[in-house]
Protein backbone atom coordinates (compact mmCIF):
# COMPACT_ATOMS: atom_id res chain seq x y z
CA UNK A 1 -181.48 105.18 175.44
CA UNK A 2 -183.38 106.51 172.73
CA UNK A 3 -183.06 110.24 171.84
CA UNK A 4 -184.08 112.06 169.15
CA UNK A 5 -182.57 115.45 167.23
CA UNK A 6 -183.93 117.65 164.69
CA UNK A 7 -181.83 116.52 161.34
CA UNK A 8 -181.52 119.50 158.98
CA UNK A 9 -181.10 118.44 155.02
CA UNK A 10 -180.00 119.94 152.94
CA UNK A 11 -179.77 119.04 149.02
CA UNK A 12 -176.88 120.92 147.41
CA UNK A 13 -175.81 119.57 144.18
CA UNK A 14 -175.67 115.90 143.82
CA UNK A 15 -175.16 115.65 147.60
CA UNK A 16 -177.16 116.19 151.29
CA UNK A 17 -175.77 117.97 153.61
CA UNK A 18 -177.24 117.32 156.99
CA UNK A 19 -177.02 118.55 160.19
CA UNK A 20 -177.66 118.10 163.75
CA UNK A 21 -180.27 121.42 165.73
CA UNK A 22 -179.30 120.79 168.99
CA UNK A 23 -175.02 119.44 168.42
CA UNK A 24 -172.85 122.12 166.74
CA UNK A 25 -170.25 120.50 165.35
CA UNK A 26 -172.25 117.67 163.71
CA UNK A 27 -172.38 117.64 159.79
CA UNK A 28 -172.41 115.55 157.47
CA UNK A 29 -173.19 113.94 153.40
CA UNK A 30 -174.04 111.41 151.81
CA UNK A 31 -174.42 110.42 148.17
CA UNK A 32 -178.57 109.81 149.21
CA UNK A 33 -181.37 111.34 151.08
CA UNK A 34 -180.98 107.62 152.43
CA UNK A 35 -177.11 107.55 152.70
CA UNK A 36 -177.02 111.45 154.24
CA UNK A 37 -179.48 110.21 157.22
CA UNK A 38 -177.75 107.31 157.66
CA UNK A 39 -174.14 109.13 157.88
CA UNK A 40 -175.96 111.79 160.57
CA UNK A 41 -177.08 108.98 163.14
CA UNK A 42 -173.00 107.48 162.60
CA UNK A 43 -171.92 111.30 163.28
CA UNK A 44 -174.24 111.27 166.49
CA UNK A 45 -173.15 108.29 168.06
CA UNK A 46 -169.45 109.68 167.39
CA UNK A 47 -169.80 113.23 169.11
CA UNK A 48 -171.95 111.87 171.53
CA UNK A 49 -169.34 108.61 172.84
CA UNK A 50 -166.33 111.08 172.54
CA UNK A 51 -167.28 114.14 174.62
CA UNK A 52 -168.41 111.19 177.11
CA UNK A 53 -164.66 110.18 176.38
CA UNK A 54 -163.33 113.20 177.11
CA UNK A 55 -164.76 114.31 179.70
CA UNK A 56 -164.39 110.89 181.22
CA UNK A 57 -160.63 112.30 181.98
CA UNK A 58 -160.76 115.22 182.44
CA UNK A 59 -163.40 115.10 185.65
CA UNK A 60 -162.36 114.98 189.03
CA UNK A 61 -162.69 110.93 191.46
CA UNK A 62 -165.38 113.54 193.05
CA UNK A 63 -167.15 115.06 190.82
CA UNK A 64 -170.96 113.96 190.10
CA UNK A 65 -172.50 112.04 187.62
CA UNK A 66 -176.60 112.24 186.89
CA UNK A 67 -178.65 112.38 184.32
CA UNK A 68 -181.31 116.11 183.87
CA UNK A 69 -184.38 115.95 182.66
CA UNK A 70 -184.87 120.21 180.65
CA UNK A 71 -187.56 120.78 178.61
CA UNK A 72 -187.23 122.38 176.23
CA UNK A 73 -190.02 124.64 173.61
CA UNK A 74 -189.15 124.53 170.28
CA UNK A 75 -190.72 127.71 167.65
CA UNK A 76 -190.31 126.62 164.15
CA UNK A 77 -191.31 128.76 161.36
CA UNK A 78 -190.56 125.79 158.99
CA UNK A 79 -192.64 122.09 159.40
CA UNK A 80 -190.83 119.42 161.19
CA UNK A 81 -190.61 115.91 159.62
CA UNK A 82 -190.89 112.90 162.65
CA UNK A 83 -187.91 110.36 161.98
CA UNK A 84 -186.84 109.47 165.13
CA UNK A 85 -183.31 108.42 165.88
CA UNK A 86 -183.50 104.81 166.69
CA UNK A 87 -180.12 104.13 168.28
CA UNK A 88 -179.03 104.20 171.48
CA UNK A 89 -176.83 107.20 172.89
CA UNK A 90 -175.34 104.73 175.52
């Protein structure tokens, strides 16, 4: 399954700092823009996998697990550069 997230990447000094708008706490850095993007993809994967593992430990056997779809409107004053994250989050 593929998901797309909004990456925010800023140059700070000699490196790039990257965060994800939709997932608080996902952040990283890299010496180059490409490295920051790679690191951000890995950070997203780790946070999503950890959340799933923790959730599985804490929920009861009777809990129902299902996918939901939600439409979200995007209000953005800055242009969005399309950079999909083509990796599975399963």
